[in-house]
Amino acid sequence: MPLIMARTGECNTIIRITGKDETKRFLENMGFITGGDITVVSEMGGNMIVNIKGTRVAISKSMANRIMV
């Protein structure tokens, strides 16, 4: 399922990242890698704050839809 559907506070594992190579590379540089753990901290209007590798990162709704957990 896409990350946008994950519950707040629930730890998930990234299964794959979809999109163009540029998008995948951008997300990988921010720490979003296949097999990595990700937790949704909060969600407002589809935009999310997530905890990945001990760091909080804000991502847009469109980016969250590209991350499959």
N, C-alpha and C. Protein backbone atom coordinates (compact mmCIF):
# COMPACT_ATOMS: atom_id res chain seq x y z
N MET A 1 0.85 -1.18 0.00
CA MET A 1 0.00 0.00 0.00
C MET A 1 0.89 1.23 0.00
N PRO A 2 0.41 2.35 -0.53
CA PRO A 2 1.21 3.57 -0.50
C PRO A 2 1.33 4.12 0.92
N LEU A 3 2.40 4.82 1.18
CA LEU A 3 2.67 5.39 2.51
C LEU A 3 1.53 6.29 2.98
N ILE A 4 0.86 6.94 2.05
CA ILE A 4 -0.23 7.87 2.39
C ILE A 4 -1.33 7.17 3.18
N MET A 5 -1.44 5.83 3.05
CA MET A 5 -2.49 5.07 3.73
C MET A 5 -2.03 4.51 5.08
N ALA A 6 -0.76 4.69 5.43
CA ALA A 6 -0.24 4.16 6.70
C ALA A 6 -0.78 4.95 7.88
N ARG A 7 -0.94 4.27 9.00
CA ARG A 7 -1.44 4.91 10.21
C ARG A 7 -0.34 5.68 10.92
N THR A 8 -0.72 6.75 11.59
CA THR A 8 0.22 7.54 12.38
C THR A 8 0.74 6.71 13.54
N GLY A 9 2.06 6.74 13.74
CA GLY A 9 2.70 6.03 14.84
C GLY A 9 3.03 4.58 14.56
N GLU A 10 2.62 4.06 13.43
CA GLU A 10 2.85 2.67 13.08
C GLU A 10 4.14 2.54 12.27
N CYS A 11 5.02 1.64 12.67
CA CYS A 11 6.28 1.42 11.96
C CYS A 11 6.02 0.53 10.75
N ASN A 12 6.51 0.94 9.59
CA ASN A 12 6.34 0.19 8.35
C ASN A 12 7.70 0.00 7.69
N THR A 13 7.78 -0.95 6.79
CA THR A 13 9.00 -1.19 6.02
C THR A 13 8.75 -0.80 4.57
N ILE A 14 9.69 -0.06 4.00
CA ILE A 14 9.57 0.36 2.60
C ILE A 14 9.81 -0.86 1.70
N ILE A 15 8.81 -1.16 0.86
CA ILE A 15 8.91 -2.31 -0.05
C ILE A 15 9.51 -1.89 -1.39
N ARG A 16 9.05 -0.76 -1.91
CA ARG A 16 9.60 -0.24 -3.17
C ARG A 16 9.24 1.22 -3.33
N ILE A 17 9.93 1.87 -4.24
CA ILE A 17 9.67 3.27 -4.56
C ILE A 17 9.40 3.33 -6.05
N THR A 18 8.27 3.93 -6.42
CA THR A 18 7.90 4.02 -7.82
C THR A 18 8.19 5.42 -8.34
N GLY A 19 8.17 5.59 -9.65
CA GLY A 19 8.38 6.89 -10.27
C GLY A 19 9.60 6.89 -11.17
N LYS A 20 9.92 8.08 -11.65
CA LYS A 20 11.07 8.24 -12.53
C LYS A 20 12.37 8.04 -11.75
N ASP A 21 13.45 7.79 -12.48
CA ASP A 21 14.75 7.58 -11.85
C ASP A 21 15.17 8.78 -11.01
N GLU A 22 14.86 9.99 -11.48
CA GLU A 22 15.22 11.20 -10.73
C GLU A 22 14.52 11.23 -9.38
N THR A 23 13.25 10.86 -9.39
CA THR A 23 12.45 10.85 -8.16
C THR A 23 12.99 9.80 -7.19
N LYS A 24 13.29 8.61 -7.71
CA LYS A 24 13.83 7.55 -6.87
C LYS A 24 15.16 7.98 -6.25
N ARG A 25 16.01 8.58 -7.04
CA ARG A 25 17.31 9.03 -6.55
C ARG A 25 17.16 10.10 -5.49
N PHE A 26 16.24 11.04 -5.70
CA PHE A 26 15.96 12.11 -4.75
C PHE A 26 15.54 11.52 -3.39
N LEU A 27 14.60 10.57 -3.43
CA LEU A 27 14.12 9.95 -2.20
C LEU A 27 15.21 9.11 -1.53
N GLU A 28 16.02 8.40 -2.32
CA GLU A 28 17.12 7.62 -1.76
C GLU A 28 18.13 8.51 -1.07
N ASN A 29 18.40 9.66 -1.63
CA ASN A 29 19.34 10.60 -1.01
C ASN A 29 18.82 11.15 0.31
N MET A 30 17.50 11.16 0.47
CA MET A 30 16.90 11.62 1.72
C MET A 30 16.79 10.50 2.74
N GLY A 31 17.15 9.26 2.36
CA GLY A 31 17.14 8.13 3.28
C GLY A 31 16.04 7.12 3.06
N PHE A 32 15.20 7.34 2.05
CA PHE A 32 14.10 6.42 1.75
C PHE A 32 14.64 5.30 0.87
N ILE A 33 15.05 4.19 1.50
CA ILE A 33 15.61 3.07 0.74
C ILE A 33 14.76 1.82 0.97
N THR A 34 14.75 0.94 -0.01
CA THR A 34 14.00 -0.32 0.08
C THR A 34 14.52 -1.12 1.27
N GLY A 35 13.59 -1.58 2.10
CA GLY A 35 13.95 -2.35 3.29
C GLY A 35 14.11 -1.50 4.54
N GLY A 36 14.08 -0.19 4.38
CA GLY A 36 14.22 0.72 5.53
C GLY A 36 12.92 0.86 6.29
N ASP A 37 13.04 1.12 7.59
CA ASP A 37 11.86 1.34 8.43
C ASP A 37 11.45 2.80 8.37
N ILE A 38 10.12 3.03 8.37
CA ILE A 38 9.57 4.38 8.29
C ILE A 38 8.34 4.45 9.19
N THR A 39 8.23 5.56 9.93
CA THR A 39 7.10 5.77 10.82
C THR A 39 6.47 7.12 10.50
N VAL A 40 5.15 7.14 10.35
CA VAL A 40 4.43 8.39 10.11
C VAL A 40 4.26 9.10 11.45
N VAL A 41 4.80 10.32 11.54
CA VAL A 41 4.69 11.10 12.77
C VAL A 41 3.39 11.89 12.77
N SER A 42 3.10 12.58 11.66
CA SER A 42 1.83 13.30 11.54
C SER A 42 1.46 13.47 10.08
N GLU A 43 0.17 13.79 9.86
CA GLU A 43 -0.34 13.96 8.50
C GLU A 43 -1.37 15.08 8.51
N MET A 44 -1.18 16.03 7.61
CA MET A 44 -2.12 17.15 7.48
C MET A 44 -2.38 17.42 6.01
N GLY A 45 -3.60 17.23 5.58
CA GLY A 45 -3.97 17.50 4.20
C GLY A 45 -3.24 16.64 3.19
N GLY A 46 -2.80 15.45 3.61
CA GLY A 46 -2.07 14.56 2.71
C GLY A 46 -0.56 14.70 2.82
N ASN A 47 -0.08 15.87 3.22
CA ASN A 47 1.35 16.05 3.44
C ASN A 47 1.73 15.38 4.76
N MET A 48 2.93 14.82 4.81
CA MET A 48 3.30 14.01 5.96
C MET A 48 4.64 14.40 6.55
N ILE A 49 4.76 14.15 7.84
CA ILE A 49 6.05 14.19 8.52
C ILE A 49 6.33 12.76 8.93
N VAL A 50 7.47 12.25 8.48
CA VAL A 50 7.82 10.86 8.76
C VAL A 50 9.16 10.79 9.48
N ASN A 51 9.36 9.71 10.20
CA ASN A 51 10.61 9.46 10.89
C ASN A 51 11.32 8.34 10.15
N ILE A 52 12.49 8.67 9.61
CA ILE A 52 13.28 7.67 8.88
C ILE A 52 14.73 7.80 9.32
N LYS A 53 15.31 6.70 9.74
CA LYS A 53 16.68 6.67 10.22
C LYS A 53 16.91 7.69 11.34
N GLY A 54 15.93 7.85 12.22
CA GLY A 54 16.07 8.74 13.36
C GLY A 54 15.93 10.21 13.04
N THR A 55 15.52 10.53 11.82
CA THR A 55 15.37 11.92 11.38
C THR A 55 13.94 12.15 10.92
N ARG A 56 13.40 13.30 11.27
CA ARG A 56 12.05 13.65 10.79
C ARG A 56 12.17 14.40 9.47
N VAL A 57 11.36 13.95 8.50
CA VAL A 57 11.39 14.52 7.16
C VAL A 57 9.95 14.82 6.74
N ALA A 58 9.73 15.99 6.15
CA ALA A 58 8.41 16.35 5.62
C ALA A 58 8.39 16.01 4.13
N ILE A 59 7.32 15.32 3.71
CA ILE A 59 7.16 14.98 2.30
C ILE A 59 5.74 15.31 1.85
N SER A 60 5.62 15.60 0.57
CA SER A 60 4.32 15.95 0.01
C SER A 60 3.48 14.70 -0.22
N LYS A 61 2.20 14.94 -0.47
CA LYS A 61 1.27 13.84 -0.74
C LYS A 61 1.71 13.05 -1.97
N SER A 62 2.18 13.73 -3.02
CA SER A 62 2.58 13.04 -4.24
C SER A 62 3.81 12.16 -4.01
N MET A 63 4.74 12.62 -3.18
CA MET A 63 5.92 11.79 -2.85
C MET A 63 5.51 10.60 -2.01
N ALA A 64 4.61 10.81 -1.05
CA ALA A 64 4.16 9.72 -0.18
C ALA A 64 3.44 8.64 -0.98
N ASN A 65 2.78 9.02 -2.07
CA ASN A 65 2.09 8.05 -2.92
C ASN A 65 3.08 7.18 -3.70
N ARG A 66 4.31 7.62 -3.85
CA ARG A 66 5.33 6.86 -4.60
C ARG A 66 6.04 5.85 -3.71
N ILE A 67 5.88 5.94 -2.40
CA ILE A 67 6.57 5.06 -1.46
C ILE A 67 5.60 3.95 -1.04
N MET A 68 5.93 2.72 -1.40
CA MET A 68 5.09 1.57 -1.06
C MET A 68 5.62 0.88 0.19
N VAL A 69 4.72 0.64 1.13
CA VAL A 69 5.10 -0.01 2.40
C VAL A 69 4.35 -1.31 2.57
